Structures are given as C-alpha cells and as structure tokens.
Amino acid sequence: MSAAFSPIINVLESPAMLADELIEVHEAPRQVAPFSQRYPALTAAQGYEAARVLHRHRLSHGWRPVGRKIGFTNRTIWPRYGVYEPIWGTVYDRTTAFSEGNEAEVVLHELVQPRIEPEICFGLRSPPPRTDDPEELLASIDWIAHSVEIVQCHHPEWKVTLADSTADNGLHGRLVVGPPVSVAGLAHLVEMLPALQVTLRKNGAVVDRGVGANALGSPLLALAHLVQVLSGQPATQTLAAGELISTGTLTDAHPVSPGELWSTELTGLPLPGLTIRFK
C-alpha cells in the first residue's frame, strides 16, 4: 500500500512504522501525504525519535555526521508555514560541500521540492555552554562562514506541521559552506551578527533580502536555542568540538530548479557571498 493511501494509525501504538516510512521515502525520494495526517497523535518529540532511527540507519550505511542545521529560526516566516518554533536536523558528509572559489554546484534530482536558504554557519571549538550570553557562546566557536542550505519537503505544497518537520530530519537536503574565517580575527562579532544584511539573487535579479537578527535575534542566539533543545533530548548526542552548525535562514525559503544560478551578497560582516548553480 502506498504512503498516500495508508490508514490513519496512532503513532503511539506503532512508532516503528513512521521510522520505516521515513527511511524509505529518503531512499526513494517522492512526495507523500503528511505524516501528521496519517499519524494524528504524532508529536514533535516522536518526530525526533523517528529521525534518530533514520540517523542510525544512515550511520550503519557509512554516512558520517558533520554537524547540525537549525530550521525555522526566522520568525517572520512562521505564519507562512504554520510552524511556530525552531527545529534541528543532522548534517552529513554526503549532504555537505565546502565551496571552491565561493562557487558550488548542487544536484537536485534526489531532493523533493527543494528551496534555498542563506544562513550563517559556525564551526565549534568546544561544546557550547547552555547560556543566552552571546560572548560565552562566541568563546566556543572556532570559525564562522556564510552557508546556503537547500531544504526539502516530502509533503505536497510544503504543507507541514512541527512534527512533520522534526521527523523529516529538520527538512535538511544539502548544505554549501563558504570559506571559514577565524572568529579570533573578527572584532565586535557579537554586535555585527544581528546587523548583517544578505541579498539573495536568482539569475542576477534580487529575490529577497534579510538580516542577521531574523535568526532568533542573532545566529548566536539560534545556537543558544539549539543547546537548550538538545539538553532536553537525552537520547541525542550533545554538540561537540569540530561540529558545524548552520543557524537558519535569514530570508524566506525560495524554490530552486535545475539550470538556475543563485547568488548571495553579505554586507556588515567580512564574509564573501556564494554563487550556486543547480543541476
């Protein structure tokens, strides 16, 4: 029976069924009816539980986790998607690429309804503390980079709930990371991060603009939120030195298609923009 016509099941009675479907829909990418429609008791916590099963499956097949992504940190888009709190997912060696010369190519054929998100990425020097103090968080960071995440959605028309999103590994598809810059050489970074501006272009035309404050007030505060969330998930590995953390989109998420050329430009922070060609 296809997922679109599966009977409604209480996920509390059969959590393994959702996890099995999640693995299958990632290995054979396609749209399916929202998980929350067919598992009406599904909670965000149970979504994360299903995502952990997907994670263990990937580890058993040689995938290597390299960090985390935070999603829905931009509160300006919450009403558009009907999701009113941030989520997170795991980023892997097979889903991440460092740009060469500030450029990259991203193949889309394995992604479902892909959308582009310009973000700020941190490389961790040490496990970040559980605090809202930006200076203390900054002390745990080794480098900063501009990143672009390609998110995806397996549900038609991007109609999701919070639980759908946590189950689907935070809607992560791909991550392109720009040149890392040591935070040791950047004065006043705490003040610069909320004020930075990003311009997003498609084939040379401006599509959207955003600011660093869109990520929960600052990308550093987005990191603080992730630390707080993970502290309440004892089955999940805490953040570790060497991980990269992409802190959420500074604009809306915009659909992308093969053949398009997208670019970003940052002002207010000495980080280069990225140019991405989609195939």
C-alpha atoms as a PDB file:
ATOM      1  CA  MET A   1       0.000   0.000   0.000  1.00  0.00           C
ATOM      2  CA  SER A   2       1.447   3.418  -0.903  1.00  0.00           C
ATOM      3  CA  ALA A   3       2.034   6.007   1.798  1.00  0.00           C
ATOM      4  CA  ALA A   4      -0.593   8.296   0.279  1.00  0.00           C
ATOM      5  CA  PHE A   5      -3.326   5.750   0.998  1.00  0.00           C
ATOM      6  CA  SER A   6      -2.083   4.372   4.305  1.00  0.00           C
ATOM      7  CA  PRO A   7      -4.721   4.083   7.036  1.00  0.00           C
ATOM      8  CA  ILE A   8      -4.724   6.506   9.924  1.00  0.00           C
ATOM      9  CA  ILE A   9      -2.679   4.972  12.738  1.00  0.00           C
ATOM     10  CA  ASN A  10      -1.921   6.241  16.219  1.00  0.00           C
ATOM     11  CA  VAL A  11       1.833   6.638  16.185  1.00  0.00           C
ATOM     12  CA  LEU A  12       1.943   5.993  19.907  1.00  0.00           C
ATOM     13  CA  GLU A  13       0.926   2.403  19.149  1.00  0.00           C
ATOM     14  CA  SER A  14       3.351   1.899  16.284  1.00  0.00           C
ATOM     15  CA  PRO A  15       6.283   4.365  16.247  1.00  0.00           C
ATOM     16  CA  ALA A  16       8.420   1.985  14.177  1.00  0.00           C
ATOM     17  CA  MET A  17       6.048   2.317  11.218  1.00  0.00           C
ATOM     18  CA  LEU A  18       6.793   6.009  10.829  1.00  0.00           C
ATOM     19  CA  ALA A  19      10.536   5.438  11.127  1.00  0.00           C
ATOM     20  CA  ASP A  20      10.416   2.726   8.460  1.00  0.00           C
ATOM     21  CA  GLU A  21       8.490   5.036   6.118  1.00  0.00           C
ATOM     22  CA  LEU A  22      10.905   7.872   6.788  1.00  0.00           C
ATOM     23  CA  ILE A  23      13.867   5.712   5.754  1.00  0.00           C
ATOM     24  CA  GLU A  24      12.064   4.517   2.645  1.00  0.00           C
ATOM     25  CA  VAL A  25      10.985   7.974   1.477  1.00  0.00           C
ATOM     26  CA  HIS A  26      14.555   9.232   1.757  1.00  0.00           C
ATOM     27  CA  GLU A  27      15.910   6.287  -0.214  1.00  0.00           C
ATOM     28  CA  ALA A  28      13.225   6.616  -2.910  1.00  0.00           C
ATOM     29  CA  PRO A  29      12.555  10.400  -2.862  1.00  0.00           C
ATOM     30  CA  ARG A  30       8.984  11.451  -3.621  1.00  0.00           C
ATOM     31  CA  GLN A  31       6.015  13.305  -2.177  1.00  0.00           C
ATOM     32  CA  VAL A  32       3.773  11.537   0.324  1.00  0.00           C
ATOM     33  CA  ALA A  33       0.783  12.611   2.365  1.00  0.00           C
ATOM     34  CA  PRO A  34       1.865  14.420   5.549  1.00  0.00           C
ATOM     35  CA  PHE A  35       2.939  12.091   8.351  1.00  0.00           C
ATOM     36  CA  SER A  36       0.743  14.060  10.747  1.00  0.00           C
ATOM     37  CA  GLN A  37      -2.359  13.275   8.688  1.00  0.00           C
ATOM     38  CA  ARG A  38      -1.817   9.552   8.969  1.00  0.00           C
ATOM     39  CA  TYR A  39      -0.393   9.572  12.488  1.00  0.00           C
ATOM     40  CA  PRO A  40      -2.688  12.138  14.130  1.00  0.00           C
ATOM     41  CA  ALA A  41      -1.161  11.698  17.601  1.00  0.00           C
ATOM     42  CA  LEU A  42       2.329  12.475  16.282  1.00  0.00           C
ATOM     43  CA  THR A  43       4.245  14.907  18.480  1.00  0.00           C
ATOM     44  CA  ALA A  44       7.423  16.852  17.803  1.00  0.00           C
ATOM     45  CA  ALA A  45       9.276  14.623  20.288  1.00  0.00           C
ATOM     46  CA  GLN A  46       8.112  11.485  18.467  1.00  0.00           C
ATOM     47  CA  GLY A  47       9.202  13.089  15.198  1.00  0.00           C
ATOM     48  CA  TYR A  48      12.705  13.471  16.599  1.00  0.00           C
ATOM     49  CA  GLU A  49      12.558   9.837  17.710  1.00  0.00           C
ATOM     50  CA  ALA A  50      11.782   8.751  14.154  1.00  0.00           C
ATOM     51  CA  ALA A  51      14.593  10.968  12.854  1.00  0.00           C
ATOM     52  CA  ARG A  52      17.003   9.209  15.239  1.00  0.00           C
ATOM     53  CA  VAL A  53      16.087   5.898  13.627  1.00  0.00           C
ATOM     54  CA  LEU A  54      16.850   7.398  10.201  1.00  0.00           C
ATOM     55  CA  HIS A  55      20.145   8.663  11.634  1.00  0.00           C
ATOM     56  CA  ARG A  56      21.130   5.219  12.943  1.00  0.00           C
ATOM     57  CA  HIS A  57      20.202   3.693   9.590  1.00  0.00           C
ATOM     58  CA  ARG A  58      22.445   6.155   7.792  1.00  0.00           C
ATOM     59  CA  LEU A  59      25.334   5.525  10.173  1.00  0.00           C
ATOM     60  CA  SER A  60      25.042   1.801   9.500  1.00  0.00           C
ATOM     61  CA  HIS A  61      25.392   2.549   5.777  1.00  0.00           C
ATOM     62  CA  GLY A  62      28.560   4.614   6.132  1.00  0.00           C
ATOM     63  CA  TRP A  63      27.180   8.135   6.453  1.00  0.00           C
ATOM     64  CA  ARG A  64      29.244  10.410   8.726  1.00  0.00           C
ATOM     65  CA  PRO A  65      27.597  13.244  10.678  1.00  0.00           C
ATOM     66  CA  VAL A  66      29.478  16.551  10.474  1.00  0.00           C
ATOM     67  CA  GLY A  67      27.110  18.851  12.353  1.00  0.00           C
ATOM     68  CA  ARG A  68      23.576  20.174  12.735  1.00  0.00           C
ATOM     69  CA  LYS A  69      21.220  22.549  10.979  1.00  0.00           C
ATOM     70  CA  ILE A  70      18.656  24.695  12.734  1.00  0.00           C
ATOM     71  CA  GLY A  71      15.425  25.442  10.938  1.00  0.00           C
ATOM     72  CA  PHE A  72      12.567  27.888  11.400  1.00  0.00           C
ATOM     73  CA  THR A  73      14.727  30.344  13.325  1.00  0.00           C
ATOM     74  CA  ASN A  74      13.329  33.122  11.118  1.00  0.00           C
ATOM     75  CA  ARG A  75      10.159  34.134  12.936  1.00  0.00           C
ATOM     76  CA  THR A  76       8.995  36.302  10.022  1.00  0.00           C
ATOM     77  CA  ILE A  77       8.093  33.136   8.064  1.00  0.00           C
ATOM     78  CA  TRP A  78       6.379  31.200  10.851  1.00  0.00           C
ATOM     79  CA  PRO A  79       2.819  32.202   9.834  1.00  0.00           C
ATOM     80  CA  ARG A  80       3.519  31.215   6.209  1.00  0.00           C
ATOM     81  CA  TYR A  81       4.393  27.643   7.148  1.00  0.00           C
ATOM     82  CA  GLY A  82       2.320  27.226  10.289  1.00  0.00           C
ATOM     83  CA  VAL A  83       5.367  26.164  12.312  1.00  0.00           C
ATOM     84  CA  TYR A  84       5.987  28.404  15.297  1.00  0.00           C
ATOM     85  CA  GLU A  85       9.228  27.173  16.817  1.00  0.00           C
ATOM     86  CA  PRO A  86      12.688  26.191  15.561  1.00  0.00           C
ATOM     87  CA  ILE A  87      13.677  22.640  14.665  1.00  0.00           C
ATOM     88  CA  TRP A  88      17.002  20.922  14.078  1.00  0.00           C
ATOM     89  CA  GLY A  89      18.420  18.116  11.944  1.00  0.00           C
ATOM     90  CA  THR A  90      21.696  16.312  11.336  1.00  0.00           C
ATOM     91  CA  VAL A  91      24.077  17.352   8.550  1.00  0.00           C
ATOM     92  CA  TYR A  92      26.235  14.649   6.947  1.00  0.00           C
ATOM     93  CA  ASP A  93      29.368  14.346   4.859  1.00  0.00           C
ATOM     94  CA  ARG A  94      27.156  13.209   1.967  1.00  0.00           C
ATOM     95  CA  THR A  95      24.917  16.292   2.206  1.00  0.00           C
ATOM     96  CA  THR A  96      27.594  18.947   2.794  1.00  0.00           C
ATOM     97  CA  ALA A  97      30.096  20.630   0.472  1.00  0.00           C
ATOM     98  CA  PHE A  98      32.631  23.415   1.021  1.00  0.00           C
ATOM     99  CA  SER A  99      32.616  25.870  -1.860  1.00  0.00           C
ATOM    100  CA  GLU A 100      35.589  26.333  -4.138  1.00  0.00           C
ATOM    101  CA  GLY A 101      36.245  29.951  -5.039  1.00  0.00           C
ATOM    102  CA  ASN A 102      32.909  30.879  -3.397  1.00  0.00           C
ATOM    103  CA  GLU A 103      31.090  28.770  -6.002  1.00  0.00           C
ATOM    104  CA  ALA A 104      29.384  25.385  -5.950  1.00  0.00           C
ATOM    105  CA  GLU A 105      27.136  23.100  -7.963  1.00  0.00           C
ATOM    106  CA  VAL A 106      24.215  21.320  -6.347  1.00  0.00           C
ATOM    107  CA  VAL A 107      22.449  18.387  -7.996  1.00  0.00           C
ATOM    108  CA  LEU A 108      18.726  18.427  -7.196  1.00  0.00           C
ATOM    109  CA  HIS A 109      17.399  15.144  -8.561  1.00  0.00           C
ATOM    110  CA  GLU A 110      17.425  13.408  -5.149  1.00  0.00           C
ATOM    111  CA  LEU A 111      15.673  16.302  -3.403  1.00  0.00           C
ATOM    112  CA  VAL A 112      11.924  16.862  -3.169  1.00  0.00           C
ATOM    113  CA  GLN A 113      10.581  20.402  -3.650  1.00  0.00           C
ATOM    114  CA  PRO A 114      13.972  21.988  -2.868  1.00  0.00           C
ATOM    115  CA  ARG A 115      14.242  25.539  -1.589  1.00  0.00           C
ATOM    116  CA  ILE A 116      17.240  27.788  -0.937  1.00  0.00           C
ATOM    117  CA  GLU A 117      18.099  29.454   2.372  1.00  0.00           C
ATOM    118  CA  PRO A 118      21.045  31.832   3.026  1.00  0.00           C
ATOM    119  CA  GLU A 119      22.466  31.308   6.507  1.00  0.00           C
ATOM    120  CA  ILE A 120      25.391  31.790   8.895  1.00  0.00           C
ATOM    121  CA  CYS A 121      27.414  28.744   9.898  1.00  0.00           C
ATOM    122  CA  PHE A 122      29.663  28.212  12.938  1.00  0.00           C
ATOM    123  CA  GLY A 123      32.478  25.717  13.422  1.00  0.00           C
ATOM    124  CA  LEU A 124      32.710  24.667  17.079  1.00  0.00           C
ATOM    125  CA  ARG A 125      35.968  24.884  19.033  1.00  0.00           C
ATOM    126  CA  SER A 126      34.357  23.292  22.082  1.00  0.00           C
ATOM    127  CA  PRO A 127      30.885  22.248  23.266  1.00  0.00           C
ATOM    128  CA  PRO A 128      28.906  25.484  23.656  1.00  0.00           C
ATOM    129  CA  PRO A 129      27.577  26.252  27.126  1.00  0.00           C
ATOM    130  CA  ARG A 130      23.913  26.370  27.995  1.00  0.00           C
ATOM    131  CA  THR A 131      23.518  30.137  28.124  1.00  0.00           C
ATOM    132  CA  ASP A 132      21.972  33.098  26.321  1.00  0.00           C
ATOM    133  CA  ASP A 133      25.150  35.145  26.766  1.00  0.00           C
ATOM    134  CA  PRO A 134      26.490  35.775  23.229  1.00  0.00           C
ATOM    135  CA  GLU A 135      30.054  36.350  24.450  1.00  0.00           C
ATOM    136  CA  GLU A 136      30.147  32.989  26.244  1.00  0.00           C
ATOM    137  CA  LEU A 137      28.758  31.262  23.162  1.00  0.00           C
ATOM    138  CA  LEU A 138      31.280  33.004  20.928  1.00  0.00           C
ATOM    139  CA  ALA A 139      34.104  31.604  23.064  1.00  0.00           C
ATOM    140  CA  SER A 140      33.088  28.085  21.977  1.00  0.00           C
ATOM    141  CA  ILE A 141      33.294  28.930  18.256  1.00  0.00           C
ATOM    142  CA  ASP A 142      36.415  28.434  16.135  1.00  0.00           C
ATOM    143  CA  TRP A 143      35.267  29.845  12.791  1.00  0.00           C
ATOM    144  CA  ILE A 144      32.343  31.469  11.045  1.00  0.00           C
ATOM    145  CA  ALA A 145      31.228  31.116   7.429  1.00  0.00           C
ATOM    146  CA  HIS A 146      28.369  32.047   5.158  1.00  0.00           C
ATOM    147  CA  SER A 147      26.333  28.971   4.247  1.00  0.00           C
ATOM    148  CA  VAL A 148      23.445  28.139   1.978  1.00  0.00           C
ATOM    149  CA  GLU A 149      21.139  25.311   2.902  1.00  0.00           C
ATOM    150  CA  ILE A 150      18.883  23.560   0.420  1.00  0.00           C
ATOM    151  CA  VAL A 151      15.871  22.353   2.346  1.00  0.00           C
ATOM    152  CA  GLN A 152      13.310  19.879   1.058  1.00  0.00           C
ATOM    153  CA  CYS A 153       9.791  18.742   1.869  1.00  0.00           C
ATOM    154  CA  HIS A 154       8.265  15.338   1.137  1.00  0.00           C
ATOM    155  CA  HIS A 155       4.712  16.638   1.662  1.00  0.00           C
ATOM    156  CA  PRO A 156       2.701  18.328  -1.128  1.00  0.00           C
ATOM    157  CA  GLU A 157       2.850  22.139  -1.376  1.00  0.00           C
ATOM    158  CA  TRP A 158       5.130  22.361   1.668  1.00  0.00           C
ATOM    159  CA  LYS A 159       2.151  21.784   3.974  1.00  0.00           C
ATOM    160  CA  VAL A 160       3.823  20.676   7.196  1.00  0.00           C
ATOM    161  CA  THR A 161       3.385  20.679  10.935  1.00  0.00           C
ATOM    162  CA  LEU A 162       6.087  20.950  13.570  1.00  0.00           C
ATOM    163  CA  ALA A 163       6.008  17.157  13.997  1.00  0.00           C
ATOM    164  CA  ASP A 164       6.304  16.544  10.240  1.00  0.00           C
ATOM    165  CA  SER A 165       9.380  18.758  10.230  1.00  0.00           C
ATOM    166  CA  THR A 166      11.152  17.184  13.201  1.00  0.00           C
ATOM    167  CA  ALA A 167      10.557  13.707  11.786  1.00  0.00           C
ATOM    168  CA  ASP A 168      11.996  14.653   8.392  1.00  0.00           C
ATOM    169  CA  ASN A 169      15.446  15.485   9.789  1.00  0.00           C
ATOM    170  CA  GLY A 170      14.605  19.154  10.058  1.00  0.00           C
ATOM    171  CA  LEU A 171      13.800  19.257   6.310  1.00  0.00           C
ATOM    172  CA  HIS A 172      17.534  19.152   5.535  1.00  0.00           C
ATOM    173  CA  GLY A 173      18.597  18.459   1.965  1.00  0.00           C
ATOM    174  CA  ARG A 174      22.052  19.895   1.216  1.00  0.00           C
ATOM    175  CA  LEU A 175      24.436  22.428   2.759  1.00  0.00           C
ATOM    176  CA  VAL A 176      27.036  24.547   0.965  1.00  0.00           C
ATOM    177  CA  VAL A 177      29.577  26.198   3.264  1.00  0.00           C
ATOM    178  CA  GLY A 178      31.652  29.182   2.228  1.00  0.00           C
ATOM    179  CA  PRO A 179      35.256  29.896   3.261  1.00  0.00           C
ATOM    180  CA  PRO A 180      35.676  29.599   7.056  1.00  0.00           C
ATOM    181  CA  VAL A 181      37.009  32.716   8.789  1.00  0.00           C
ATOM    182  CA  SER A 182      38.555  32.532  12.254  1.00  0.00           C
ATOM    183  CA  VAL A 183      36.489  34.387  14.833  1.00  0.00           C
ATOM    184  CA  ALA A 184      39.735  35.407  16.538  1.00  0.00           C
ATOM    185  CA  GLY A 185      40.323  37.925  13.764  1.00  0.00           C
ATOM    186  CA  LEU A 186      36.848  39.461  13.887  1.00  0.00           C
ATOM    187  CA  ALA A 187      36.294  42.212  16.423  1.00  0.00           C
ATOM    188  CA  HIS A 188      32.773  43.183  17.534  1.00  0.00           C
ATOM    189  CA  LEU A 189      31.286  39.993  16.074  1.00  0.00           C
ATOM    190  CA  VAL A 190      28.557  39.853  18.721  1.00  0.00           C
ATOM    191  CA  GLU A 191      27.285  43.237  17.533  1.00  0.00           C
ATOM    192  CA  MET A 192      27.853  42.606  13.825  1.00  0.00           C
ATOM    193  CA  LEU A 193      25.913  39.345  13.574  1.00  0.00           C
ATOM    194  CA  PRO A 194      22.396  40.738  14.197  1.00  0.00           C
ATOM    195  CA  ALA A 195      23.078  43.719  11.918  1.00  0.00           C
ATOM    196  CA  LEU A 196      24.496  41.847   8.915  1.00  0.00           C
ATOM    197  CA  GLN A 197      22.485  42.051   5.701  1.00  0.00           C
ATOM    198  CA  VAL A 198      22.117  39.437   2.971  1.00  0.00           C
ATOM    199  CA  THR A 199      20.810  39.836  -0.558  1.00  0.00           C
ATOM    200  CA  LEU A 200      19.585  36.761  -2.436  1.00  0.00           C
ATOM    201  CA  ARG A 201      19.548  36.771  -6.251  1.00  0.00           C
ATOM    202  CA  LYS A 202      18.229  34.390  -8.899  1.00  0.00           C
ATOM    203  CA  ASN A 203      19.864  34.672 -12.326  1.00  0.00           C
ATOM    204  CA  GLY A 204      21.067  38.145 -11.312  1.00  0.00           C
ATOM    205  CA  ALA A 205      17.690  39.522 -10.152  1.00  0.00           C
ATOM    206  CA  VAL A 206      17.076  40.296  -6.470  1.00  0.00           C
ATOM    207  CA  VAL A 207      14.614  37.832  -4.944  1.00  0.00           C
ATOM    208  CA  ASP A 208      14.851  38.582  -1.232  1.00  0.00           C
ATOM    209  CA  ARG A 209      16.787  40.391   1.483  1.00  0.00           C
ATOM    210  CA  GLY A 210      17.290  39.579   5.136  1.00  0.00           C
ATOM    211  CA  VAL A 211      19.244  40.456   8.266  1.00  0.00           C
ATOM    212  CA  GLY A 212      21.110  38.512  10.926  1.00  0.00           C
ATOM    213  CA  ALA A 213      18.523  39.419  13.544  1.00  0.00           C
ATOM    214  CA  ASN A 214      15.996  37.268  11.653  1.00  0.00           C
ATOM    215  CA  ALA A 215      17.674  34.174  13.186  1.00  0.00           C
ATOM    216  CA  LEU A 216      16.065  34.425  16.634  1.00  0.00           C
ATOM    217  CA  GLY A 217      17.672  37.822  17.143  1.00  0.00           C
ATOM    218  CA  SER A 218      21.171  36.655  16.205  1.00  0.00           C
ATOM    219  CA  PRO A 219      22.779  33.476  14.844  1.00  0.00           C
ATOM    220  CA  LEU A 220      24.456  33.193  18.264  1.00  0.00           C
ATOM    221  CA  LEU A 221      21.033  33.099  19.933  1.00  0.00           C
ATOM    222  CA  ALA A 222      19.940  30.450  17.432  1.00  0.00           C
ATOM    223  CA  LEU A 223      22.897  28.379  18.640  1.00  0.00           C
ATOM    224  CA  ALA A 224      21.805  29.019  22.239  1.00  0.00           C
ATOM    225  CA  HIS A 225      18.347  27.719  21.384  1.00  0.00           C
ATOM    226  CA  LEU A 226      19.792  24.520  19.894  1.00  0.00           C
ATOM    227  CA  VAL A 227      21.862  23.881  23.018  1.00  0.00           C
ATOM    228  CA  GLN A 228      18.735  24.340  25.131  1.00  0.00           C
ATOM    229  CA  VAL A 229      16.656  21.967  22.978  1.00  0.00           C
ATOM    230  CA  LEU A 230      19.328  19.262  22.953  1.00  0.00           C
ATOM    231  CA  SER A 231      19.587  19.446  26.757  1.00  0.00           C
ATOM    232  CA  GLY A 232      16.019  18.128  26.848  1.00  0.00           C
ATOM    233  CA  GLN A 233      16.729  15.246  24.454  1.00  0.00           C
ATOM    234  CA  PRO A 234      18.895  12.802  26.437  1.00  0.00           C
ATOM    235  CA  ALA A 235      18.829  10.226  23.635  1.00  0.00           C
ATOM    236  CA  THR A 236      20.564  12.699  21.297  1.00  0.00           C
ATOM    237  CA  GLN A 237      24.297  13.342  21.247  1.00  0.00           C
ATOM    238  CA  THR A 238      25.219  16.773  22.580  1.00  0.00           C
ATOM    239  CA  LEU A 239      27.185  19.237  20.478  1.00  0.00           C
ATOM    240  CA  ALA A 240      30.910  18.511  20.229  1.00  0.00           C
ATOM    241  CA  ALA A 241      34.087  20.260  19.141  1.00  0.00           C
ATOM    242  CA  GLY A 242      34.555  20.069  15.381  1.00  0.00           C
ATOM    243  CA  GLU A 243      30.860  20.159  14.508  1.00  0.00           C
ATOM    244  CA  LEU A 244      29.475  22.791  12.163  1.00  0.00           C
ATOM    245  CA  ILE A 245      26.177  24.464  12.962  1.00  0.00           C
ATOM    246  CA  SER A 246      24.121  26.237  10.299  1.00  0.00           C
ATOM    247  CA  THR A 247      21.867  28.607  12.183  1.00  0.00           C
ATOM    248  CA  GLY A 248      18.805  29.092   9.977  1.00  0.00           C
ATOM    249  CA  THR A 249      17.635  31.167   7.067  1.00  0.00           C
ATOM    250  CA  LEU A 250      17.905  34.946   7.088  1.00  0.00           C
ATOM    251  CA  THR A 251      15.288  35.276   4.312  1.00  0.00           C
ATOM    252  CA  ASP A 252      12.281  33.264   3.247  1.00  0.00           C
ATOM    253  CA  ALA A 253      12.984  29.882   1.601  1.00  0.00           C
ATOM    254  CA  HIS A 254      12.639  30.070  -2.192  1.00  0.00           C
ATOM    255  CA  PRO A 255      12.064  27.207  -4.695  1.00  0.00           C
ATOM    256  CA  VAL A 256      15.015  26.264  -6.899  1.00  0.00           C
ATOM    257  CA  SER A 257      15.195  24.262 -10.141  1.00  0.00           C
ATOM    258  CA  PRO A 258      17.904  22.767 -12.372  1.00  0.00           C
ATOM    259  CA  GLY A 259      19.531  25.305 -14.690  1.00  0.00           C
ATOM    260  CA  GLU A 260      19.182  28.240 -12.295  1.00  0.00           C
ATOM    261  CA  LEU A 261      22.059  30.343 -10.975  1.00  0.00           C
ATOM    262  CA  TRP A 262      21.585  31.775  -7.486  1.00  0.00           C
ATOM    263  CA  SER A 263      23.919  34.082  -5.587  1.00  0.00           C
ATOM    264  CA  THR A 264      24.181  35.824  -2.240  1.00  0.00           C
ATOM    265  CA  GLU A 265      25.859  39.009  -1.085  1.00  0.00           C
ATOM    266  CA  LEU A 266      26.615  39.873   2.542  1.00  0.00           C
ATOM    267  CA  THR A 267      27.226  43.329   3.983  1.00  0.00           C
ATOM    268  CA  GLY A 268      28.152  44.236   7.541  1.00  0.00           C
ATOM    269  CA  LEU A 269      30.321  41.131   8.002  1.00  0.00           C
ATOM    270  CA  PRO A 270      33.581  40.295   6.170  1.00  0.00           C
ATOM    271  CA  LEU A 271      32.301  37.092   4.592  1.00  0.00           C
ATOM    272  CA  PRO A 272      32.045  36.550   0.821  1.00  0.00           C
ATOM    273  CA  GLY A 273      28.769  35.669  -0.843  1.00  0.00           C
ATOM    274  CA  LEU A 274      28.188  32.368  -2.613  1.00  0.00           C
ATOM    275  CA  THR A 275      27.220  31.515  -6.186  1.00  0.00           C
ATOM    276  CA  ILE A 276      25.392  28.220  -6.667  1.00  0.00           C
ATOM    277  CA  ARG A 277      24.448  26.582  -9.933  1.00  0.00           C
ATOM    278  CA  PHE A 278      21.689  23.996  -9.722  1.00  0.00           C
ATOM    279  CA  LYS A 279      21.753  20.890 -11.897  1.00  0.00           C
END
